[in-house]
């Protein structure tokens, strides 16, 4: 792979992560709205609350950027700022 192919692959992964994050945000809103409608004493409430809190944790942990969002991209500390700059410029 040449540099351009690597950058293209990383950009595609960034787009996929962004899409996944958008889906998580939608699920988070859905869970929050659902919790308001059901009995807090029910098993269903506890299950949805667990999903709501797990989704919230993921969103909070990924709030600070692309690299925290992806455990699959272990980039060298010297390369990470360069790739981040390229992603922000694209």
PDB file of N, CA and C in Angstrom:
ATOM      1  N   UNK A   1       0.838  -1.187   0.000  1.00  0.00           N
ATOM      2  CA  UNK A   1       0.000   0.000   0.000  1.00  0.00           C
ATOM      3  C   UNK A   1       0.878   1.244   0.000  1.00  0.00           C
ATOM      4  N   UNK A   2       0.503   2.193  -0.824  1.00  0.00           N
ATOM      5  CA  UNK A   2       1.228   3.457  -0.798  1.00  0.00           C
ATOM      6  C   UNK A   2       0.550   4.419   0.189  1.00  0.00           C
ATOM      7  N   UNK A   3       1.155   5.561   0.388  1.00  0.00           N
ATOM      8  CA  UNK A   3       0.663   6.525   1.374  1.00  0.00           C
ATOM      9  C   UNK A   3      -0.770   6.950   1.084  1.00  0.00           C
ATOM     10  N   UNK A   4      -1.075   7.219  -0.166  1.00  0.00           N
ATOM     11  CA  UNK A   4      -2.427   7.656  -0.533  1.00  0.00           C
ATOM     12  C   UNK A   4      -3.460   6.583  -0.218  1.00  0.00           C
ATOM     13  N   UNK A   5      -3.136   5.328  -0.482  1.00  0.00           N
ATOM     14  CA  UNK A   5      -4.055   4.232  -0.176  1.00  0.00           C
ATOM     15  C   UNK A   5      -4.285   4.109   1.328  1.00  0.00           C
ATOM     16  N   UNK A   6      -3.229   4.284   2.096  1.00  0.00           N
ATOM     17  CA  UNK A   6      -3.357   4.218   3.553  1.00  0.00           C
ATOM     18  C   UNK A   6      -4.244   5.347   4.062  1.00  0.00           C
ATOM     19  N   UNK A   7      -3.999   6.548   3.567  1.00  0.00           N
ATOM     20  CA  UNK A   7      -4.802   7.700   3.982  1.00  0.00           C
ATOM     21  C   UNK A   7      -6.255   7.507   3.572  1.00  0.00           C
ATOM     22  N   UNK A   8      -6.489   7.000   2.380  1.00  0.00           N
ATOM     23  CA  UNK A   8      -7.852   6.732   1.917  1.00  0.00           C
ATOM     24  C   UNK A   8      -8.532   5.705   2.814  1.00  0.00           C
ATOM     25  N   UNK A   9      -7.816   4.655   3.172  1.00  0.00           N
ATOM     26  CA  UNK A   9      -8.375   3.622   4.047  1.00  0.00           C
ATOM     27  C   UNK A   9      -8.709   4.195   5.426  1.00  0.00           C
ATOM     28  N   UNK A  10      -7.843   5.040   5.944  1.00  0.00           N
ATOM     29  CA  UNK A  10      -8.093   5.651   7.254  1.00  0.00           C
ATOM     30  C   UNK A  10      -9.286   6.594   7.187  1.00  0.00           C
ATOM     31  N   UNK A  11      -9.385   7.361   6.106  1.00  0.00           N
ATOM     32  CA  UNK A  11     -10.543   8.252   5.945  1.00  0.00           C
ATOM     33  C   UNK A  11     -11.844   7.453   5.889  1.00  0.00           C
ATOM     34  N   UNK A  12     -11.824   6.333   5.188  1.00  0.00           N
ATOM     35  CA  UNK A  12     -13.016   5.489   5.096  1.00  0.00           C
ATOM     36  C   UNK A  12     -13.389   4.954   6.471  1.00  0.00           C
ATOM     37  N   UNK A  13     -12.401   4.531   7.225  1.00  0.00           N
ATOM     38  CA  UNK A  13     -12.689   4.065   8.582  1.00  0.00           C
ATOM     39  C   UNK A  13     -13.239   5.199   9.434  1.00  0.00           C
ATOM     40  N   UNK A  14     -12.729   6.396   9.251  1.00  0.00           N
ATOM     41  CA  UNK A  14     -13.236   7.553   9.990  1.00  0.00           C
ATOM     42  C   UNK A  14     -14.700   7.804   9.640  1.00  0.00           C
ATOM     43  N   UNK A  15     -15.040   7.700   8.364  1.00  0.00           N
ATOM     44  CA  UNK A  15     -16.437   7.875   7.942  1.00  0.00           C
ATOM     45  C   UNK A  15     -17.327   6.796   8.554  1.00  0.00           C
ATOM     46  N   UNK A  16     -16.835   5.568   8.572  1.00  0.00           N
ATOM     47  CA  UNK A  16     -17.605   4.474   9.165  1.00  0.00           C
ATOM     48  C   UNK A  16     -17.811   4.696  10.664  1.00  0.00           C
ATOM     49  N   UNK A  17     -16.775   5.172  11.335  1.00  0.00           N
ATOM     50  CA  UNK A  17     -16.902   5.455  12.766  1.00  0.00           C
ATOM     51  C   UNK A  17     -17.879   6.592  13.019  1.00  0.00           C
ATOM     52  N   UNK A  18     -17.849   7.601  12.176  1.00  0.00           N
ATOM     53  CA  UNK A  18     -18.777   8.719  12.297  1.00  0.00           C
ATOM     54  C   UNK A  18     -20.209   8.220  12.123  1.00  0.00           C
ATOM     55  N   UNK A  19     -20.425   7.349  11.150  1.00  0.00           N
ATOM     56  CA  UNK A  19     -21.745   6.773  10.919  1.00  0.00           C
ATOM     57  C   UNK A  19     -22.192   5.953  12.131  1.00  0.00           C
ATOM     58  N   UNK A  20     -21.288   5.177  12.667  1.00  0.00           N
ATOM     59  CA  UNK A  20     -21.598   4.374  13.849  1.00  0.00           C
ATOM     60  C   UNK A  20     -21.936   5.275  15.031  1.00  0.00           C
ATOM     61  N   UNK A  21     -21.195   6.340  15.183  1.00  0.00           N
ATOM     62  CA  UNK A  21     -21.468   7.280  16.275  1.00  0.00           C
ATOM     63  C   UNK A  21     -22.849   7.924  16.102  1.00  0.00           C
ATOM     64  N   UNK A  22     -23.223   8.264  14.883  1.00  0.00           N
ATOM     65  CA  UNK A  22     -24.554   8.814  14.630  1.00  0.00           C
ATOM     66  C   UNK A  22     -25.638   7.809  15.014  1.00  0.00           C
ATOM     67  N   UNK A  23     -25.413   6.540  14.685  1.00  0.00           N
ATOM     68  CA  UNK A  23     -26.372   5.492  15.052  1.00  0.00           C
ATOM     69  C   UNK A  23     -26.468   5.350  16.569  1.00  0.00           C
ATOM     70  N   UNK A  24     -25.328   5.427  17.246  1.00  0.00           N
ATOM     71  CA  UNK A  24     -25.333   5.349  18.710  1.00  0.00           C
ATOM     72  C   UNK A  24     -26.100   6.515  19.324  1.00  0.00           C
ATOM     73  N   UNK A  25     -25.937   7.704  18.760  1.00  0.00           N
ATOM     74  CA  UNK A  25     -26.669   8.867  19.259  1.00  0.00           C
ATOM     75  C   UNK A  25     -28.176   8.662  19.101  1.00  0.00           C
ATOM     76  N   UNK A  26     -28.579   8.104  17.971  1.00  0.00           N
ATOM     77  CA  UNK A  26     -30.000   7.841  17.735  1.00  0.00           C
ATOM     78  C   UNK A  26     -30.524   6.807  18.734  1.00  0.00           C
ATOM     79  N   UNK A  27     -29.752   5.756  18.973  1.00  0.00           N
ATOM     80  CA  UNK A  27     -30.155   4.743  19.950  1.00  0.00           C
ATOM     81  C   UNK A  27     -30.250   5.353  21.343  1.00  0.00           C
ATOM     82  N   UNK A  28     -29.306   6.193  21.679  1.00  0.00           N
ATOM     83  CA  UNK A  28     -29.285   6.848  22.986  1.00  0.00           C
ATOM     84  C   UNK A  28     -30.564   7.666  23.189  1.00  0.00           C
ATOM     85  N   UNK A  29     -30.952   8.433  22.171  1.00  0.00           N
ATOM     86  CA  UNK A  29     -32.186   9.228  22.254  1.00  0.00           C
ATOM     87  C   UNK A  29     -33.410   8.318  22.377  1.00  0.00           C
ATOM     88  N   UNK A  30     -33.412   7.223  21.622  1.00  0.00           N
ATOM     89  CA  UNK A  30     -34.525   6.272  21.669  1.00  0.00           C
ATOM     90  C   UNK A  30     -34.654   5.667  23.069  1.00  0.00           C
ATOM     91  N   UNK A  31     -33.533   5.203  23.621  1.00  0.00           N
ATOM     92  CA  UNK A  31     -33.569   4.605  24.959  1.00  0.00           C
ATOM     93  C   UNK A  31     -34.054   5.612  25.992  1.00  0.00           C
ATOM     94  N   UNK A  32     -33.579   6.845  25.896  1.00  0.00           N
ATOM     95  CA  UNK A  32     -33.997   7.884  26.833  1.00  0.00           C
ATOM     96  C   UNK A  32     -35.496   8.146  26.759  1.00  0.00           C
ATOM     97  N   UNK A  33     -36.022   8.229  25.548  1.00  0.00           N
ATOM     98  CA  UNK A  33     -37.463   8.455  25.367  1.00  0.00           C
ATOM     99  C   UNK A  33     -38.268   7.260  25.867  1.00  0.00           C
ATOM    100  N   UNK A  34     -37.766   6.061  25.622  1.00  0.00           N
ATOM    101  CA  UNK A  34     -38.467   4.847  26.049  1.00  0.00           C
ATOM    102  C   UNK A  34     -38.511   4.752  27.567  1.00  0.00           C
ATOM    103  N   UNK A  35     -37.429   5.114  28.228  1.00  0.00           N
ATOM    104  CA  UNK A  35     -37.388   5.040  29.693  1.00  0.00           C
ATOM    105  C   UNK A  35     -38.471   5.903  30.333  1.00  0.00           C
ATOM    106  N   UNK A  36     -38.813   7.007  29.697  1.00  0.00           N
ATOM    107  CA  UNK A  36     -39.835   7.902  30.240  1.00  0.00           C
ATOM    108  C   UNK A  36     -41.234   7.298  30.153  1.00  0.00           C
ATOM    109  N   UNK A  37     -41.398   6.295  29.294  1.00  0.00           N
ATOM    110  CA  UNK A  37     -42.727   5.754  29.014  1.00  0.00           C
ATOM    111  C   UNK A  37     -43.055   4.473  29.778  1.00  0.00           C
ATOM    112  N   UNK A  38     -42.073   3.840  30.394  1.00  0.00           N
ATOM    113  CA  UNK A  38     -42.350   2.545  31.018  1.00  0.00           C
ATOM    114  C   UNK A  38     -42.138   2.587  32.529  1.00  0.00           C
ATOM    115  N   UNK A  39     -42.703   1.603  33.197  1.00  0.00           N
ATOM    116  CA  UNK A  39     -42.658   1.493  34.651  1.00  0.00           C
ATOM    117  C   UNK A  39     -41.221   1.267  35.131  1.00  0.00           C
ATOM    118  N   UNK A  40     -40.713   2.144  36.008  1.00  0.00           N
ATOM    119  CA  UNK A  40     -39.340   1.992  36.507  1.00  0.00           C
ATOM    120  C   UNK A  40     -39.110   0.704  37.307  1.00  0.00           C
ATOM    121  N   UNK A  41     -40.165   0.061  37.727  1.00  0.00           N
ATOM    122  CA  UNK A  41     -40.038  -1.179  38.500  1.00  0.00           C
ATOM    123  C   UNK A  41     -39.974  -2.423  37.613  1.00  0.00           C
ATOM    124  N   UNK A  42     -40.176  -2.254  36.326  1.00  0.00           N
ATOM    125  CA  UNK A  42     -40.232  -3.410  35.426  1.00  0.00           C
ATOM    126  C   UNK A  42     -38.847  -3.892  35.013  1.00  0.00           C
ATOM    127  N   UNK A  43     -38.791  -5.147  34.622  1.00  0.00           N
ATOM    128  CA  UNK A  43     -37.553  -5.734  34.103  1.00  0.00           C
ATOM    129  C   UNK A  43     -37.162  -5.042  32.805  1.00  0.00           C
ATOM    130  N   UNK A  44     -38.148  -4.729  31.983  1.00  0.00           N
ATOM    131  CA  UNK A  44     -37.889  -4.040  30.717  1.00  0.00           C
ATOM    132  C   UNK A  44     -37.161  -2.717  30.966  1.00  0.00           C
ATOM    133  N   UNK A  45     -37.592  -2.000  31.993  1.00  0.00           N
ATOM    134  CA  UNK A  45     -36.953  -0.727  32.337  1.00  0.00           C
ATOM    135  C   UNK A  45     -35.481  -0.942  32.669  1.00  0.00           C
ATOM    136  N   UNK A  46     -35.190  -1.955  33.469  1.00  0.00           N
ATOM    137  CA  UNK A  46     -33.808  -2.235  33.868  1.00  0.00           C
ATOM    138  C   UNK A  46     -32.934  -2.582  32.660  1.00  0.00           C
ATOM    139  N   UNK A  47     -33.480  -3.350  31.736  1.00  0.00           N
ATOM    140  CA  UNK A  47     -32.734  -3.725  30.524  1.00  0.00           C
ATOM    141  C   UNK A  47     -32.451  -2.491  29.668  1.00  0.00           C
ATOM    142  N   UNK A  48     -33.476  -1.678  29.464  1.00  0.00           N
ATOM    143  CA  UNK A  48     -33.307  -0.478  28.639  1.00  0.00           C
ATOM    144  C   UNK A  48     -32.389   0.526  29.338  1.00  0.00           C
ATOM    145  N   UNK A  49     -32.500   0.622  30.663  1.00  0.00           N
ATOM    146  CA  UNK A  49     -31.607   1.504  31.410  1.00  0.00           C
ATOM    147  C   UNK A  49     -30.151   1.064  31.233  1.00  0.00           C
ATOM    148  N   UNK A  50     -29.911  -0.239  31.266  1.00  0.00           N
ATOM    149  CA  UNK A  50     -28.557  -0.758  31.043  1.00  0.00           C
ATOM    150  C   UNK A  50     -28.038  -0.391  29.662  1.00  0.00           C
ATOM    151  N   UNK A  51     -28.889  -0.543  28.650  1.00  0.00           N
ATOM    152  CA  UNK A  51     -28.497  -0.182  27.282  1.00  0.00           C
ATOM    153  C   UNK A  51     -28.254   1.323  27.171  1.00  0.00           C
ATOM    154  N   UNK A  52     -29.114   2.104  27.820  1.00  0.00           N
ATOM    155  CA  UNK A  52     -28.986   3.562  27.817  1.00  0.00           C
ATOM    156  C   UNK A  52     -27.654   3.985  28.435  1.00  0.00           C
ATOM    157  N   UNK A  53     -27.328   3.421  29.596  1.00  0.00           N
ATOM    158  CA  UNK A  53     -26.087   3.782  30.288  1.00  0.00           C
ATOM    159  C   UNK A  53     -24.850   3.308  29.531  1.00  0.00           C
ATOM    160  N   UNK A  54     -24.927   2.127  28.927  1.00  0.00           N
ATOM    161  CA  UNK A  54     -23.797   1.622  28.134  1.00  0.00           C
ATOM    162  C   UNK A  54     -23.557   2.508  26.915  1.00  0.00           C
ATOM    163  N   UNK A  55     -24.632   2.899  26.253  1.00  0.00           N
ATOM    164  CA  UNK A  55     -24.517   3.774  25.084  1.00  0.00           C
ATOM    165  C   UNK A  55     -23.957   5.133  25.489  1.00  0.00           C
ATOM    166  N   UNK A  56     -24.433   5.651  26.611  1.00  0.00           N
ATOM    167  CA  UNK A  56     -23.930   6.928  27.121  1.00  0.00           C
ATOM    168  C   UNK A  56     -22.427   6.848  27.403  1.00  0.00           C
ATOM    169  N   UNK A  57     -21.990   5.757  27.997  1.00  0.00           N
ATOM    170  CA  UNK A  57     -20.564   5.578  28.308  1.00  0.00           C
ATOM    171  C   UNK A  57     -19.731   5.560  27.023  1.00  0.00           C
ATOM    172  N   UNK A  58     -20.188   4.827  26.022  1.00  0.00           N
ATOM    173  CA  UNK A  58     -19.465   4.769  24.744  1.00  0.00           C
ATOM    174  C   UNK A  58     -19.389   6.156  24.114  1.00  0.00           C
ATOM    175  N   UNK A  59     -20.505   6.862  24.101  1.00  0.00           N
ATOM    176  CA  UNK A  59     -20.513   8.204  23.508  1.00  0.00           C
ATOM    177  C   UNK A  59     -19.583   9.148  24.263  1.00  0.00           C
ATOM    178  N   UNK A  60     -19.586   9.075  25.583  1.00  0.00           N
ATOM    179  CA  UNK A  60     -18.698   9.938  26.379  1.00  0.00           C
ATOM    180  C   UNK A  60     -17.238   9.609  26.133  1.00  0.00           C
ATOM    181  N   UNK A  61     -16.916   8.333  26.030  1.00  0.00           N
ATOM    182  CA  UNK A  61     -15.532   7.930  25.819  1.00  0.00           C
ATOM    183  C   UNK A  61     -15.027   8.301  24.426  1.00  0.00           C
ATOM    184  N   UNK A  62     -15.916   8.392  23.469  1.00  0.00           N
ATOM    185  CA  UNK A  62     -15.502   8.712  22.103  1.00  0.00           C
ATOM    186  C   UNK A  62     -15.658  10.194  21.777  1.00  0.00           C
ATOM    187  N   UNK A  63     -16.145  10.961  22.724  1.00  0.00           N
ATOM    188  CA  UNK A  63     -16.397  12.383  22.491  1.00  0.00           C
ATOM    189  C   UNK A  63     -15.131  13.140  22.096  1.00  0.00           C
ATOM    190  N   UNK A  64     -13.991  12.703  22.603  1.00  0.00           N
ATOM    191  CA  UNK A  64     -12.750  13.444  22.379  1.00  0.00           C
ATOM    192  C   UNK A  64     -12.046  13.105  21.086  1.00  0.00           C
ATOM    193  N   UNK A  65     -12.651  12.318  20.238  1.00  0.00           N
ATOM    194  CA  UNK A  65     -12.019  12.157  18.946  1.00  0.00           C
ATOM    195  C   UNK A  65     -12.000  10.775  18.357  1.00  0.00           C
ATOM    196  N   UNK A  66     -11.503  10.776  17.159  1.00  0.00           N
ATOM    197  CA  UNK A  66     -11.489   9.609  16.285  1.00  0.00           C
ATOM    198  C   UNK A  66     -10.691   8.449  16.858  1.00  0.00           C
ATOM    199  N   UNK A  67      -9.519   8.706  17.405  1.00  0.00           N
ATOM    200  CA  UNK A  67      -8.659   7.606  17.821  1.00  0.00           C
ATOM    201  C   UNK A  67      -9.181   6.900  19.061  1.00  0.00           C
ATOM    202  N   UNK A  68      -9.836   7.632  19.954  1.00  0.00           N
ATOM    203  CA  UNK A  68     -10.443   6.973  21.100  1.00  0.00           C
ATOM    204  C   UNK A  68     -11.632   6.128  20.655  1.00  0.00           C
ATOM    205  N   UNK A  69     -12.266   6.524  19.571  1.00  0.00           N
ATOM    206  CA  UNK A  69     -13.439   5.805  19.090  1.00  0.00           C
ATOM    207  C   UNK A  69     -13.081   4.472  18.464  1.00  0.00           C
ATOM    208  N   UNK A  70     -11.839   4.306  18.074  1.00  0.00           N
ATOM    209  CA  UNK A  70     -11.472   3.097  17.355  1.00  0.00           C
ATOM    210  C   UNK A  70     -10.322   2.351  18.020  1.00  0.00           C
ATOM    211  N   UNK A  71     -10.642   1.278  18.745  1.00  0.00           N
ATOM    212  CA  UNK A  71      -9.560   0.481  19.327  1.00  0.00           C
ATOM    213  C   UNK A  71      -8.799  -0.299  18.261  1.00  0.00           C
ATOM    214  N   UNK A  72      -9.323  -0.300  17.043  1.00  0.00           N
ATOM    215  CA  UNK A  72      -8.710  -1.074  15.962  1.00  0.00           C
ATOM    216  C   UNK A  72      -7.603  -0.319  15.246  1.00  0.00           C
ATOM    217  N   UNK A  73      -7.506   0.970  15.491  1.00  0.00           N
ATOM    218  CA  UNK A  73      -6.464   1.766  14.836  1.00  0.00           C
ATOM    219  C   UNK A  73      -5.408   2.140  15.859  1.00  0.00           C
ATOM    220  N   UNK A  74      -4.442   1.295  16.017  1.00  0.00           N
ATOM    221  CA  UNK A  74      -3.345   1.562  16.945  1.00  0.00           C
ATOM    222  C   UNK A  74      -2.214   2.205  16.150  1.00  0.00           C
ATOM    223  N   UNK A  75      -2.228   3.523  16.086  1.00  0.00           N
ATOM    224  CA  UNK A  75      -1.226   4.237  15.309  1.00  0.00           C
ATOM    225  C   UNK A  75      -0.099   4.722  16.205  1.00  0.00           C
ATOM    226  N   UNK A  76       1.074   4.697  15.671  1.00  0.00           N
ATOM    227  CA  UNK A  76       2.256   5.185  16.362  1.00  0.00           C
ATOM    228  C   UNK A  76       2.046   6.642  16.765  1.00  0.00           C
ATOM    229  N   UNK A  77       2.557   7.013  17.924  1.00  0.00           N
ATOM    230  CA  UNK A  77       2.369   8.377  18.441  1.00  0.00           C
ATOM    231  C   UNK A  77       2.911   9.459  17.505  1.00  0.00           C
ATOM    232  N   UNK A  78       3.895   9.145  16.716  1.00  0.00           N
ATOM    233  CA  UNK A  78       4.427  10.135  15.773  1.00  0.00           C
ATOM    234  C   UNK A  78       3.519  10.288  14.555  1.00  0.00           C
ATOM    235  N   UNK A  79       2.827   9.239  14.184  1.00  0.00           N
ATOM    236  CA  UNK A  79       1.968   9.262  13.004  1.00  0.00           C
ATOM    237  C   UNK A  79       0.592   9.836  13.337  1.00  0.00           C
ATOM    238  N   UNK A  80       0.104   9.592  14.540  1.00  0.00           N
ATOM    239  CA  UNK A  80      -1.245   9.999  14.923  1.00  0.00           C
ATOM    240  C   UNK A  80      -1.537  11.479  14.663  1.00  0.00           C
ATOM    241  N   UNK A  81      -0.681  12.434  15.059  1.00  0.00           N
ATOM    242  CA  UNK A  81      -0.993  13.845  14.787  1.00  0.00           C
ATOM    243  C   UNK A  81      -1.064  14.172  13.293  1.00  0.00           C
ATOM    244  N   UNK A  82      -0.244  13.527  12.511  1.00  0.00           N
ATOM    245  CA  UNK A  82      -0.245  13.765  11.064  1.00  0.00           C
ATOM    246  C   UNK A  82      -1.551  13.271  10.454  1.00  0.00           C
ATOM    247  N   UNK A  83      -1.942  12.058  10.816  1.00  0.00           N
ATOM    248  CA  UNK A  83      -3.179  11.486  10.287  1.00  0.00           C
ATOM    249  C   UNK A  83      -4.379  12.300  10.762  1.00  0.00           C
ATOM    250  N   UNK A  84      -4.373  12.701  12.021  1.00  0.00           N
ATOM    251  CA  UNK A  84      -5.464  13.528  12.540  1.00  0.00           C
ATOM    252  C   UNK A  84      -5.577  14.821  11.741  1.00  0.00           C
ATOM    253  N   UNK A  85      -4.465  15.461  11.468  1.00  0.00           N
ATOM    254  CA  UNK A  85      -4.461  16.695  10.675  1.00  0.00           C
ATOM    255  C   UNK A  85      -5.037  16.444   9.280  1.00  0.00           C
ATOM    256  N   UNK A  86      -4.624  15.354   8.656  1.00  0.00           N
ATOM    257  CA  UNK A  86      -5.128  15.028   7.317  1.00  0.00           C
ATOM    258  C   UNK A  86      -6.632  14.789   7.342  1.00  0.00           C
ATOM    259  N   UNK A  87      -7.117  14.104   8.368  1.00  0.00           N
ATOM    260  CA  UNK A  87      -8.550  13.842   8.468  1.00  0.00           C
ATOM    261  C   UNK A  87      -9.331  15.134   8.667  1.00  0.00           C
ATOM    262  N   UNK A  88      -8.798  16.020   9.472  1.00  0.00           N
ATOM    263  CA  UNK A  88      -9.484  17.286   9.714  1.00  0.00           C
ATOM    264  C   UNK A  88      -9.494  18.173   8.473  1.00  0.00           C
ATOM    265  N   UNK A  89      -8.480  18.044   7.639  1.00  0.00           N
ATOM    266  CA  UNK A  89      -8.392  18.858   6.423  1.00  0.00           C
ATOM    267  C   UNK A  89      -9.248  18.311   5.281  1.00  0.00           C
ATOM    268  N   UNK A  90      -9.649  17.059   5.386  1.00  0.00           N
ATOM    269  CA  UNK A  90     -10.391  16.462   4.262  1.00  0.00           C
ATOM    270  C   UNK A  90     -11.850  16.821   4.280  1.00  0.00           C
TER     271      UNK A  90
END
